PDB file of N, CA and C in Angstrom:
ATOM      1  N   UNK A   1     -95.862 100.985  27.516  1.00  0.00           N
ATOM      2  CA  UNK A   1     -96.782 100.306  26.615  1.00  0.00           C
ATOM      3  C   UNK A   1     -96.308  98.880  26.354  1.00  0.00           C
ATOM      4  N   UNK A   2     -95.024  98.697  26.245  1.00  0.00           N
ATOM      5  CA  UNK A   2     -94.443  97.391  25.968  1.00  0.00           C
ATOM      6  C   UNK A   2     -94.745  96.410  27.096  1.00  0.00           C
ATOM      7  N   UNK A   3     -94.679  96.892  28.332  1.00  0.00           N
ATOM      8  CA  UNK A   3     -94.952  96.020  29.481  1.00  0.00           C
ATOM      9  C   UNK A   3     -96.432  95.617  29.498  1.00  0.00           C
ATOM     10  N   UNK A   4     -97.319  96.559  29.205  1.00  0.00           N
ATOM     11  CA  UNK A   4     -98.750  96.264  29.140  1.00  0.00           C
ATOM     12  C   UNK A   4     -99.032  95.236  28.046  1.00  0.00           C
ATOM     13  N   UNK A   5     -98.379  95.398  26.904  1.00  0.00           N
ATOM     14  CA  UNK A   5     -98.535  94.458  25.795  1.00  0.00           C
ATOM     15  C   UNK A   5     -98.116  93.046  26.233  1.00  0.00           C
ATOM     16  N   UNK A   6     -97.026  92.952  26.946  1.00  0.00           N
ATOM     17  CA  UNK A   6     -96.533  91.649  27.410  1.00  0.00           C
ATOM     18  C   UNK A   6     -97.509  91.024  28.409  1.00  0.00           C
ATOM     19  N   UNK A   7     -98.013  91.820  29.333  1.00  0.00           N
ATOM     20  CA  UNK A   7     -98.951  91.308  30.339  1.00  0.00           C
ATOM     21  C   UNK A   7    -100.231  90.814  29.675  1.00  0.00           C
ATOM     22  N   UNK A   8    -100.797  91.611  28.777  1.00  0.00           N
ATOM     23  CA  UNK A   8    -102.039  91.231  28.096  1.00  0.00           C
ATOM     24  C   UNK A   8    -101.835  89.959  27.280  1.00  0.00           C
ATOM     25  N   UNK A   9    -100.755  89.899  26.522  1.00  0.00           N
ATOM     26  CA  UNK A   9    -100.492  88.741  25.675  1.00  0.00           C
ATOM     27  C   UNK A   9    -100.304  87.456  26.469  1.00  0.00           C
ATOM     28  N   UNK A  10     -99.510  87.516  27.521  1.00  0.00           N
ATOM     29  CA  UNK A  10     -99.267  86.319  28.339  1.00  0.00           C
ATOM     30  C   UNK A  10    -100.542  85.902  29.068  1.00  0.00           C
ATOM     31  N   UNK A  11    -101.270  86.864  29.594  1.00  0.00           N
ATOM     32  CA  UNK A  11    -102.508  86.560  30.306  1.00  0.00           C
ATOM     33  C   UNK A  11    -103.515  85.877  29.375  1.00  0.00           C
ATOM     34  N   UNK A  12    -103.689  86.413  28.178  1.00  0.00           N
ATOM     35  CA  UNK A  12    -104.650  85.808  27.260  1.00  0.00           C
ATOM     36  C   UNK A  12    -104.158  84.453  26.760  1.00  0.00           C
ATOM     37  N   UNK A  13    -102.863  84.295  26.586  1.00  0.00           N
ATOM     38  CA  UNK A  13    -102.321  82.980  26.203  1.00  0.00           C
ATOM     39  C   UNK A  13    -102.651  81.951  27.278  1.00  0.00           C
ATOM     40  N   UNK A  14    -102.489  82.320  28.536  1.00  0.00           N
ATOM     41  CA  UNK A  14    -102.828  81.404  29.633  1.00  0.00           C
ATOM     42  C   UNK A  14    -104.321  81.082  29.654  1.00  0.00           C
ATOM     43  N   UNK A  15    -105.148  82.077  29.393  1.00  0.00           N
ATOM     44  CA  UNK A  15    -106.596  81.834  29.331  1.00  0.00           C
ATOM     45  C   UNK A  15    -106.961  80.895  28.175  1.00  0.00           C
ATOM     46  N   UNK A  16    -106.284  81.043  27.050  1.00  0.00           N
ATOM     47  CA  UNK A  16    -106.538  80.155  25.906  1.00  0.00           C
ATOM     48  C   UNK A  16    -106.092  78.728  26.215  1.00  0.00           C
ATOM     49  N   UNK A  17    -104.978  78.591  26.877  1.00  0.00           N
ATOM     50  CA  UNK A  17    -104.504  77.254  27.269  1.00  0.00           C
ATOM     51  C   UNK A  17    -105.506  76.624  28.232  1.00  0.00           C
ATOM     52  N   UNK A  18    -106.012  77.412  29.163  1.00  0.00           N
ATOM     53  CA  UNK A  18    -107.016  76.907  30.105  1.00  0.00           C
ATOM     54  C   UNK A  18    -108.296  76.499  29.366  1.00  0.00           C
ATOM     55  N   UNK A  19    -108.728  77.314  28.409  1.00  0.00           N
ATOM     56  CA  UNK A  19    -109.929  76.996  27.628  1.00  0.00           C
ATOM     57  C   UNK A  19    -109.725  75.704  26.836  1.00  0.00           C
ATOM     58  N   UNK A  20    -108.542  75.517  26.283  1.00  0.00           N
ATOM     59  CA  UNK A  20    -108.250  74.281  25.556  1.00  0.00           C
ATOM     60  C   UNK A  20    -108.280  73.091  26.503  1.00  0.00           C
ATOM     61  N   UNK A  21    -107.701  73.253  27.667  1.00  0.00           N
ATOM     62  CA  UNK A  21    -107.682  72.169  28.649  1.00  0.00           C
ATOM     63  C   UNK A  21    -109.108  71.745  29.027  1.00  0.00           C
ATOM     64  N   UNK A  22    -109.996  72.692  29.162  1.00  0.00           N
ATOM     65  CA  UNK A  22    -111.369  72.387  29.560  1.00  0.00           C
ATOM     66  C   UNK A  22    -112.144  71.597  28.503  1.00  0.00           C
ATOM     67  N   UNK A  23    -111.579  71.462  27.321  1.00  0.00           N
ATOM     68  CA  UNK A  23    -112.240  70.717  26.248  1.00  0.00           C
ATOM     69  C   UNK A  23    -111.907  69.225  26.271  1.00  0.00           C
ATOM     70  N   UNK A  24    -111.180  68.759  27.280  1.00  0.00           N
ATOM     71  CA  UNK A  24    -110.689  67.374  27.300  1.00  0.00           C
ATOM     72  C   UNK A  24    -111.791  66.332  27.158  1.00  0.00           C
ATOM     73  N   UNK A  25    -113.007  66.595  27.617  1.00  0.00           N
ATOM     74  CA  UNK A  25    -114.077  65.603  27.529  1.00  0.00           C
ATOM     75  C   UNK A  25    -115.042  65.878  26.372  1.00  0.00           C
ATOM     76  N   UNK A  26    -114.712  66.826  25.532  1.00  0.00           N
ATOM     77  CA  UNK A  26    -115.541  67.164  24.379  1.00  0.00           C
ATOM     78  C   UNK A  26    -115.272  66.151  23.262  1.00  0.00           C
ATOM     79  N   UNK A  27    -116.302  65.759  22.523  1.00  0.00           N
ATOM     80  CA  UNK A  27    -116.090  64.799  21.438  1.00  0.00           C
ATOM     81  C   UNK A  27    -115.105  65.283  20.363  1.00  0.00           C
ATOM     82  N   UNK A  28    -115.055  66.589  20.152  1.00  0.00           N
ATOM     83  CA  UNK A  28    -114.121  67.144  19.170  1.00  0.00           C
ATOM     84  C   UNK A  28    -113.022  67.962  19.866  1.00  0.00           C
ATOM     85  N   UNK A  29    -112.488  67.409  20.932  1.00  0.00           N
ATOM     86  CA  UNK A  29    -111.499  68.127  21.751  1.00  0.00           C
ATOM     87  C   UNK A  29    -110.272  68.545  20.946  1.00  0.00           C
ATOM     88  N   UNK A  30    -109.796  67.677  20.063  1.00  0.00           N
ATOM     89  CA  UNK A  30    -108.588  67.998  19.304  1.00  0.00           C
ATOM     90  C   UNK A  30    -108.772  69.268  18.475  1.00  0.00           C
ATOM     91  N   UNK A  31    -109.949  69.436  17.888  1.00  0.00           N
ATOM     92  CA  UNK A  31    -110.244  70.642  17.111  1.00  0.00           C
ATOM     93  C   UNK A  31    -110.123  71.880  17.991  1.00  0.00           C
ATOM     94  N   UNK A  32    -110.672  71.798  19.204  1.00  0.00           N
ATOM     95  CA  UNK A  32    -110.612  72.934  20.119  1.00  0.00           C
ATOM     96  C   UNK A  32    -109.209  73.171  20.640  1.00  0.00           C
ATOM     97  N   UNK A  33    -108.428  72.108  20.788  1.00  0.00           N
ATOM     98  CA  UNK A  33    -107.017  72.283  21.157  1.00  0.00           C
ATOM     99  C   UNK A  33    -106.305  73.116  20.092  1.00  0.00           C
ATOM    100  N   UNK A  34    -106.582  72.815  18.830  1.00  0.00           N
ATOM    101  CA  UNK A  34    -105.964  73.572  17.738  1.00  0.00           C
ATOM    102  C   UNK A  34    -106.439  75.025  17.719  1.00  0.00           C
ATOM    103  N   UNK A  35    -107.745  75.217  17.864  1.00  0.00           N
ATOM    104  CA  UNK A  35    -108.316  76.563  17.805  1.00  0.00           C
ATOM    105  C   UNK A  35    -107.766  77.449  18.924  1.00  0.00           C
ATOM    106  N   UNK A  36    -107.825  76.950  20.151  1.00  0.00           N
ATOM    107  CA  UNK A  36    -107.337  77.754  21.273  1.00  0.00           C
ATOM    108  C   UNK A  36    -105.810  77.763  21.342  1.00  0.00           C
ATOM    109  N   UNK A  37    -105.193  76.695  20.870  1.00  0.00           N
ATOM    110  CA  UNK A  37    -103.724  76.665  20.834  1.00  0.00           C
ATOM    111  C   UNK A  37    -103.173  77.715  19.884  1.00  0.00           C
ATOM    112  N   UNK A  38    -103.811  77.864  18.725  1.00  0.00           N
ATOM    113  CA  UNK A  38    -103.398  78.886  17.768  1.00  0.00           C
ATOM    114  C   UNK A  38    -103.560  80.290  18.367  1.00  0.00           C
ATOM    115  N   UNK A  39    -104.646  80.501  19.085  1.00  0.00           N
ATOM    116  CA  UNK A  39    -104.860  81.795  19.746  1.00  0.00           C
ATOM    117  C   UNK A  39    -103.799  82.034  20.824  1.00  0.00           C
ATOM    118  N   UNK A  40    -103.427  80.982  21.557  1.00  0.00           N
ATOM    119  CA  UNK A  40    -102.397  81.119  22.594  1.00  0.00           C
ATOM    120  C   UNK A  40    -101.049  81.458  21.969  1.00  0.00           C
ATOM    121  N   UNK A  41    -100.713  80.795  20.876  1.00  0.00           N
ATOM    122  CA  UNK A  41     -99.447  81.082  20.193  1.00  0.00           C
ATOM    123  C   UNK A  41     -99.439  82.512  19.656  1.00  0.00           C
ATOM    124  N   UNK A  42    -100.544  82.927  19.031  1.00  0.00           N
ATOM    125  CA  UNK A  42    -100.638  84.301  18.545  1.00  0.00           C
ATOM    126  C   UNK A  42    -100.493  85.309  19.672  1.00  0.00           C
ATOM    127  N   UNK A  43    -101.061  84.991  20.820  1.00  0.00           N
ATOM    128  CA  UNK A  43    -100.971  85.889  21.977  1.00  0.00           C
ATOM    129  C   UNK A  43     -99.544  85.972  22.505  1.00  0.00           C
ATOM    130  N   UNK A  44     -98.846  84.851  22.518  1.00  0.00           N
ATOM    131  CA  UNK A  44     -97.443  84.876  22.951  1.00  0.00           C
ATOM    132  C   UNK A  44     -96.585  85.658  21.960  1.00  0.00           C
ATOM    133  N   UNK A  45     -96.874  85.513  20.667  1.00  0.00           N
ATOM    134  CA  UNK A  45     -96.163  86.318  19.675  1.00  0.00           C
ATOM    135  C   UNK A  45     -96.421  87.799  19.930  1.00  0.00           C
ATOM    136  N   UNK A  46     -97.661  88.146  20.251  1.00  0.00           N
ATOM    137  CA  UNK A  46     -97.998  89.536  20.558  1.00  0.00           C
ATOM    138  C   UNK A  46     -97.230  90.004  21.795  1.00  0.00           C
ATOM    139  N   UNK A  47     -97.211  89.164  22.823  1.00  0.00           N
ATOM    140  CA  UNK A  47     -96.557  89.530  24.082  1.00  0.00           C
ATOM    141  C   UNK A  47     -95.077  89.837  23.892  1.00  0.00           C
ATOM    142  N   UNK A  48     -94.440  89.130  22.970  1.00  0.00           N
ATOM    143  CA  UNK A  48     -93.004  89.304  22.781  1.00  0.00           C
ATOM    144  C   UNK A  48     -92.653  90.085  21.517  1.00  0.00           C
ATOM    145  N   UNK A  49     -93.641  90.840  20.992  1.00  0.00           N
ATOM    146  CA  UNK A  49     -93.383  91.755  19.902  1.00  0.00           C
ATOM    147  C   UNK A  49     -93.131  91.103  18.560  1.00  0.00           C
ATOM    148  N   UNK A  50     -93.585  89.888  18.368  1.00  0.00           N
ATOM    149  CA  UNK A  50     -93.345  89.166  17.115  1.00  0.00           C
ATOM    150  C   UNK A  50     -94.581  89.052  16.225  1.00  0.00           C
ATOM    151  N   UNK A  51     -95.725  89.500  16.702  1.00  0.00           N
ATOM    152  CA  UNK A  51     -96.963  89.401  15.926  1.00  0.00           C
ATOM    153  C   UNK A  51     -97.068  90.598  14.994  1.00  0.00           C
ATOM    154  N   UNK A  52     -97.273  90.332  13.725  1.00  0.00           N
ATOM    155  CA  UNK A  52     -97.429  91.390  12.728  1.00  0.00           C
ATOM    156  C   UNK A  52     -98.888  91.852  12.696  1.00  0.00           C
ATOM    157  N   UNK A  53     -99.071  93.103  12.360  1.00  0.00           N
ATOM    158  CA  UNK A  53    -100.415  93.677  12.276  1.00  0.00           C
ATOM    159  C   UNK A  53    -101.304  92.870  11.333  1.00  0.00           C
ATOM    160  N   UNK A  54    -100.798  92.552  10.155  1.00  0.00           N
ATOM    161  CA  UNK A  54    -101.601  91.837   9.160  1.00  0.00           C
ATOM    162  C   UNK A  54    -101.999  90.445   9.647  1.00  0.00           C
ATOM    163  N   UNK A  55    -101.115  89.753  10.324  1.00  0.00           N
ATOM    164  CA  UNK A  55    -101.422  88.420  10.851  1.00  0.00           C
ATOM    165  C   UNK A  55    -102.483  88.524  11.938  1.00  0.00           C
ATOM    166  N   UNK A  56    -102.358  89.513  12.791  1.00  0.00           N
ATOM    167  CA  UNK A  56    -103.342  89.727  13.850  1.00  0.00           C
ATOM    168  C   UNK A  56    -104.721  90.012  13.265  1.00  0.00           C
ATOM    169  N   UNK A  57    -104.760  90.819  12.231  1.00  0.00           N
ATOM    170  CA  UNK A  57    -106.026  91.136  11.577  1.00  0.00           C
ATOM    171  C   UNK A  57    -106.633  89.902  10.904  1.00  0.00           C
ATOM    172  N   UNK A  58    -105.794  89.084  10.296  1.00  0.00           N
ATOM    173  CA  UNK A  58    -106.275  87.836   9.680  1.00  0.00           C
ATOM    174  C   UNK A  58    -106.846  86.909  10.746  1.00  0.00           C
ATOM    175  N   UNK A  59    -106.155  86.788  11.880  1.00  0.00           N
ATOM    176  CA  UNK A  59    -106.673  85.975  12.990  1.00  0.00           C
ATOM    177  C   UNK A  59    -108.042  86.492  13.426  1.00  0.00           C
ATOM    178  N   UNK A  60    -108.158  87.803  13.563  1.00  0.00           N
ATOM    179  CA  UNK A  60    -109.431  88.410  13.967  1.00  0.00           C
ATOM    180  C   UNK A  60    -110.536  88.019  12.993  1.00  0.00           C
ATOM    181  N   UNK A  61    -110.269  88.126  11.724  1.00  0.00           N
ATOM    182  CA  UNK A  61    -111.272  87.799  10.705  1.00  0.00           C
ATOM    183  C   UNK A  61    -111.620  86.314  10.715  1.00  0.00           C
ATOM    184  N   UNK A  62    -110.638  85.456  10.872  1.00  0.00           N
ATOM    185  CA  UNK A  62    -110.887  84.008  10.926  1.00  0.00           C
ATOM    186  C   UNK A  62    -111.790  83.669  12.110  1.00  0.00           C
ATOM    187  N   UNK A  63    -111.499  84.239  13.258  1.00  0.00           N
ATOM    188  CA  UNK A  63    -112.309  83.947  14.441  1.00  0.00           C
ATOM    189  C   UNK A  63    -113.702  84.576  14.332  1.00  0.00           C
ATOM    190  N   UNK A  64    -113.837  85.693  13.631  1.00  0.00           N
ATOM    191  CA  UNK A  64    -115.171  86.264  13.378  1.00  0.00           C
ATOM    192  C   UNK A  64    -115.993  85.354  12.461  1.00  0.00           C
ATOM    193  N   UNK A  65    -115.356  84.813  11.441  1.00  0.00           N
ATOM    194  CA  UNK A  65    -116.044  83.871  10.556  1.00  0.00           C
ATOM    195  C   UNK A  65    -116.454  82.626  11.344  1.00  0.00           C
ATOM    196  N   UNK A  66    -115.570  82.148  12.216  1.00  0.00           N
ATOM    197  CA  UNK A  66    -115.905  80.991  13.062  1.00  0.00           C
ATOM    198  C   UNK A  66    -117.094  81.308  13.966  1.00  0.00           C
ATOM    199  N   UNK A  67    -117.156  82.531  14.473  1.00  0.00           N
ATOM    200  CA  UNK A  67    -118.287  82.944  15.304  1.00  0.00           C
ATOM    201  C   UNK A  67    -119.588  82.851  14.520  1.00  0.00           C
ATOM    202  N   UNK A  68    -119.575  83.399  13.312  1.00  0.00           N
ATOM    203  CA  UNK A  68    -120.780  83.374  12.477  1.00  0.00           C
ATOM    204  C   UNK A  68    -121.163  81.940  12.107  1.00  0.00           C
ATOM    205  N   UNK A  69    -120.185  81.118  11.817  1.00  0.00           N
ATOM    206  CA  UNK A  69    -120.426  79.731  11.438  1.00  0.00           C
ATOM    207  C   UNK A  69    -121.014  78.923  12.595  1.00  0.00           C
ATOM    208  N   UNK A  70    -120.537  79.179  13.809  1.00  0.00           N
ATOM    209  CA  UNK A  70    -120.965  78.399  14.974  1.00  0.00           C
ATOM    210  C   UNK A  70    -122.234  78.927  15.638  1.00  0.00           C
ATOM    211  N   UNK A  71    -122.616  80.159  15.328  1.00  0.00           N
ATOM    212  CA  UNK A  71    -123.755  80.765  16.017  1.00  0.00           C
ATOM    213  C   UNK A  71    -125.010  79.908  15.834  1.00  0.00           C
ATOM    214  N   UNK A  72    -125.718  79.598  16.938  1.00  0.00           N
ATOM    215  CA  UNK A  72    -126.911  78.747  16.830  1.00  0.00           C
ATOM    216  C   UNK A  72    -128.079  79.493  16.172  1.00  0.00           C
ATOM    217  N   UNK A  73    -129.006  78.710  15.618  1.00  0.00           N
ATOM    218  CA  UNK A  73    -130.187  79.322  15.012  1.00  0.00           C
ATOM    219  C   UNK A  73    -130.996  80.086  16.059  1.00  0.00           C
ATOM    220  N   UNK A  74    -131.014  79.537  17.267  1.00  0.00           N
ATOM    221  CA  UNK A  74    -131.738  80.180  18.367  1.00  0.00           C
ATOM    222  C   UNK A  74    -130.817  80.207  19.588  1.00  0.00           C
ATOM    223  N   UNK A  75    -130.386  81.399  19.969  1.00  0.00           N
ATOM    224  CA  UNK A  75    -129.507  81.522  21.127  1.00  0.00           C
ATOM    225  C   UNK A  75    -130.338  81.355  22.400  1.00  0.00           C
ATOM    226  N   UNK A  76    -129.943  80.400  23.246  1.00  0.00           N
ATOM    227  CA  UNK A  76    -130.699  80.102  24.471  1.00  0.00           C
ATOM    228  C   UNK A  76    -129.858  80.279  25.728  1.00  0.00           C
ATOM    229  N   UNK A  77    -128.809  81.053  25.643  1.00  0.00           N
ATOM    230  CA  UNK A  77    -127.987  81.313  26.822  1.00  0.00           C
ATOM    231  C   UNK A  77    -126.858  80.315  26.969  1.00  0.00           C
ATOM    232  N   UNK A  78    -126.322  80.243  28.193  1.00  0.00           N
ATOM    233  CA  UNK A  78    -125.144  79.417  28.463  1.00  0.00           C
ATOM    234  C   UNK A  78    -125.385  78.322  29.486  1.00  0.00           C
ATOM    235  N   UNK A  79    -126.477  78.408  30.211  1.00  0.00           N
ATOM    236  CA  UNK A  79    -126.716  77.485  31.317  1.00  0.00           C
ATOM    237  C   UNK A  79    -127.412  76.219  30.843  1.00  0.00           C
ATOM    238  N   UNK A  80    -126.819  75.085  31.130  1.00  0.00           N
ATOM    239  CA  UNK A  80    -127.417  73.798  30.767  1.00  0.00           C
ATOM    240  C   UNK A  80    -128.681  73.603  31.583  1.00  0.00           C
ATOM    241  N   UNK A  81    -129.718  73.127  30.912  1.00  0.00           N
ATOM    242  CA  UNK A  81    -130.996  72.912  31.571  1.00  0.00           C
ATOM    243  C   UNK A  81    -132.000  74.016  31.289  1.00  0.00           C
ATOM    244  N   UNK A  82    -131.554  75.062  30.610  1.00  0.00           N
ATOM    245  CA  UNK A  82    -132.453  76.179  30.308  1.00  0.00           C
ATOM    246  C   UNK A  82    -132.792  76.256  28.826  1.00  0.00           C
ATOM    247  N   UNK A  83    -132.585  75.161  28.106  1.00  0.00           N
ATOM    248  CA  UNK A  83    -132.888  75.139  26.683  1.00  0.00           C
ATOM    249  C   UNK A  83    -132.287  73.911  26.039  1.00  0.00           C
ATOM    250  N   UNK A  84    -132.296  73.906  24.720  1.00  0.00           N
ATOM    251  CA  UNK A  84    -131.734  72.807  23.955  1.00  0.00           C
ATOM    252  C   UNK A  84    -130.217  72.781  24.121  1.00  0.00           C
ATOM    253  N   UNK A  85    -129.688  71.640  24.547  1.00  0.00           N
ATOM    254  CA  UNK A  85    -128.255  71.522  24.824  1.00  0.00           C
ATOM    255  C   UNK A  85    -127.403  71.833  23.597  1.00  0.00           C
ATOM    256  N   UNK A  86    -127.888  71.473  22.405  1.00  0.00           N
ATOM    257  CA  UNK A  86    -127.128  71.750  21.175  1.00  0.00           C
ATOM    258  C   UNK A  86    -127.014  73.255  20.953  1.00  0.00           C
ATOM    259  N   UNK A  87    -128.113  73.982  21.133  1.00  0.00           N
ATOM    260  CA  UNK A  87    -128.072  75.440  20.981  1.00  0.00           C
ATOM    261  C   UNK A  87    -127.181  76.086  22.032  1.00  0.00           C
ATOM    262  N   UNK A  88    -127.248  75.588  23.245  1.00  0.00           N
ATOM    263  CA  UNK A  88    -126.421  76.143  24.321  1.00  0.00           C
ATOM    264  C   UNK A  88    -124.942  75.906  24.026  1.00  0.00           C
ATOM    265  N   UNK A  89    -124.602  74.687  23.597  1.00  0.00           N
ATOM    266  CA  UNK A  89    -123.210  74.367  23.277  1.00  0.00           C
ATOM    267  C   UNK A  89    -122.703  75.213  22.108  1.00  0.00           C
ATOM    268  N   UNK A  90    -123.507  75.351  21.067  1.00  0.00           N
ATOM    269  CA  UNK A  90    -123.108  76.192  19.930  1.00  0.00           C
ATOM    270  C   UNK A  90    -122.948  77.649  20.354  1.00  0.00           C
ATOM    271  N   UNK A  91    -123.841  78.122  21.218  1.00  0.00           N
ATOM    272  CA  UNK A  91    -123.734  79.489  21.715  1.00  0.00           C
ATOM    273  C   UNK A  91    -122.462  79.714  22.502  1.00  0.00           C
ATOM    274  N   UNK A  92    -122.103  78.749  23.322  1.00  0.00           N
ATOM    275  CA  UNK A  92    -120.859  78.844  24.093  1.00  0.00           C
ATOM    276  C   UNK A  92    -119.646  78.876  23.170  1.00  0.00           C
ATOM    277  N   UNK A  93    -119.641  77.960  22.200  1.00  0.00           N
ATOM    278  CA  UNK A  93    -118.513  77.891  21.267  1.00  0.00           C
ATOM    279  C   UNK A  93    -118.401  79.179  20.455  1.00  0.00           C
ATOM    280  N   UNK A  94    -119.525  79.688  19.982  1.00  0.00           N
ATOM    281  CA  UNK A  94    -119.521  80.913  19.186  1.00  0.00           C
ATOM    282  C   UNK A  94    -119.026  82.099  20.014  1.00  0.00           C
ATOM    283  N   UNK A  95    -119.465  82.192  21.244  1.00  0.00           N
ATOM    284  CA  UNK A  95    -119.020  83.303  22.097  1.00  0.00           C
ATOM    285  C   UNK A  95    -117.531  83.202  22.420  1.00  0.00           C
ATOM    286  N   UNK A  96    -117.031  81.979  22.559  1.00  0.00           N
ATOM    287  CA  UNK A  96    -115.588  81.791  22.746  1.00  0.00           C
ATOM    288  C   UNK A  96    -114.814  82.329  21.558  1.00  0.00           C
ATOM    289  N   UNK A  97    -115.301  82.036  20.359  1.00  0.00           N
ATOM    290  CA  UNK A  97    -114.649  82.533  19.148  1.00  0.00           C
ATOM    291  C   UNK A  97    -114.755  84.051  19.049  1.00  0.00           C
ATOM    292  N   UNK A  98    -115.898  84.601  19.470  1.00  0.00           N
ATOM    293  CA  UNK A  98    -116.074  86.050  19.448  1.00  0.00           C
ATOM    294  C   UNK A  98    -115.101  86.739  20.403  1.00  0.00           C
ATOM    295  N   UNK A  99    -114.904  86.160  21.568  1.00  0.00           N
ATOM    296  CA  UNK A  99    -113.943  86.728  22.524  1.00  0.00           C
ATOM    297  C   UNK A  99    -112.549  86.746  21.920  1.00  0.00           C
ATOM    298  N   UNK A 100    -112.144  85.639  21.295  1.00  0.00           N
ATOM    299  CA  UNK A 100    -110.821  85.576  20.675  1.00  0.00           C
ATOM    300  C   UNK A 100    -110.722  86.602  19.544  1.00  0.00           C
ATOM    301  N   UNK A 101    -111.766  86.738  18.738  1.00  0.00           N
ATOM    302  CA  UNK A 101    -111.763  87.717  17.650  1.00  0.00           C
ATOM    303  C   UNK A 101    -111.589  89.133  18.191  1.00  0.00           C
ATOM    304  N   UNK A 102    -112.286  89.451  19.266  1.00  0.00           N
ATOM    305  CA  UNK A 102    -112.180  90.788  19.867  1.00  0.00           C
ATOM    306  C   UNK A 102    -110.771  91.035  20.399  1.00  0.00           C
ATOM    307  N   UNK A 103    -110.198  90.024  21.027  1.00  0.00           N
ATOM    308  CA  UNK A 103    -108.836  90.170  21.550  1.00  0.00           C
ATOM    309  C   UNK A 103    -107.851  90.423  20.408  1.00  0.00           C
ATOM    310  N   UNK A 104    -107.989  89.686  19.298  1.00  0.00           N
ATOM    311  CA  UNK A 104    -107.087  89.923  18.172  1.00  0.00           C
ATOM    312  C   UNK A 104    -107.355  91.268  17.507  1.00  0.00           C
ATOM    313  N   UNK A 105    -108.573  91.769  17.579  1.00  0.00           N
ATOM    314  CA  UNK A 105    -108.854  93.119  17.105  1.00  0.00           C
ATOM    315  C   UNK A 105    -108.124  94.138  17.986  1.00  0.00           C
ATOM    316  N   UNK A 106    -108.155  93.928  19.289  1.00  0.00           N
ATOM    317  CA  UNK A 106    -107.423  94.805  20.217  1.00  0.00           C
ATOM    318  C   UNK A 106    -105.926  94.746  19.924  1.00  0.00           C
ATOM    319  N   UNK A 107    -105.402  93.527  19.718  1.00  0.00           N
ATOM    320  CA  UNK A 107    -103.985  93.394  19.352  1.00  0.00           C
ATOM    321  C   UNK A 107    -103.692  94.197  18.084  1.00  0.00           C
ATOM    322  N   UNK A 108    -104.564  94.055  17.089  1.00  0.00           N
ATOM    323  CA  UNK A 108    -104.358  94.757  15.817  1.00  0.00           C
ATOM    324  C   UNK A 108    -104.329  96.263  16.022  1.00  0.00           C
ATOM    325  N   UNK A 109    -105.262  96.773  16.810  1.00  0.00           N
ATOM    326  CA  UNK A 109    -105.293  98.211  17.067  1.00  0.00           C
ATOM    327  C   UNK A 109    -104.073  98.667  17.835  1.00  0.00           C
ATOM    328  N   UNK A 110    -103.642  97.873  18.803  1.00  0.00           N
ATOM    329  CA  UNK A 110    -102.449  98.228  19.573  1.00  0.00           C
ATOM    330  C   UNK A 110    -101.208  98.226  18.670  1.00  0.00           C
ATOM    331  N   UNK A 111    -101.141  97.253  17.778  1.00  0.00           N
ATOM    332  CA  UNK A 111     -99.994  97.190  16.863  1.00  0.00           C
ATOM    333  C   UNK A 111    -100.020  98.326  15.859  1.00  0.00           C
ATOM    334  N   UNK A 112    -101.195  98.658  15.379  1.00  0.00           N
ATOM    335  CA  UNK A 112    -101.334  99.704  14.367  1.00  0.00           C
ATOM    336  C   UNK A 112    -100.993 101.077  14.916  1.00  0.00           C
ATOM    337  N   UNK A 113    -101.377 101.339  16.160  1.00  0.00           N
ATOM    338  CA  UNK A 113    -101.208 102.673  16.726  1.00  0.00           C
ATOM    339  C   UNK A 113    -100.111 102.759  17.785  1.00  0.00           C
ATOM    340  N   UNK A 114     -99.219 101.757  17.823  1.00  0.00           N
ATOM    341  CA  UNK A 114     -98.136 101.841  18.792  1.00  0.00           C
ATOM    342  C   UNK A 114     -97.118 102.893  18.380  1.00  0.00           C
ATOM    343  N   UNK A 115     -96.379 103.371  19.317  1.00  0.00           N
ATOM    344  CA  UNK A 115     -95.331 104.384  19.167  1.00  0.00           C
ATOM    345  C   UNK A 115     -95.756 105.704  19.654  1.00  0.00           C
TER     346      UNK A 115
END
């Protein structure tokens, strides 16, 4: 179980770093660097057994709130050119936050029921 935890944590940390990197041309790139950077750090803490259950749960809740806050009034998918660019961008950002929230929920469950 410990090896699986390490693989999942490192893999998701790398994905978060990649997601942050892809924000380089975004007008609010620094904000996204912080958001995905925090998720990457939390994932590395999880990978090396340093993430506490309560912290993981708090991260999950924070990212769920971010999902609700960013969710567009009208979801129009992810592909540019198939709707209003603002709605598409908000939908992408919200889904990114939802993915991170789900991952931290998985971390929380793994931490809660380990042993």
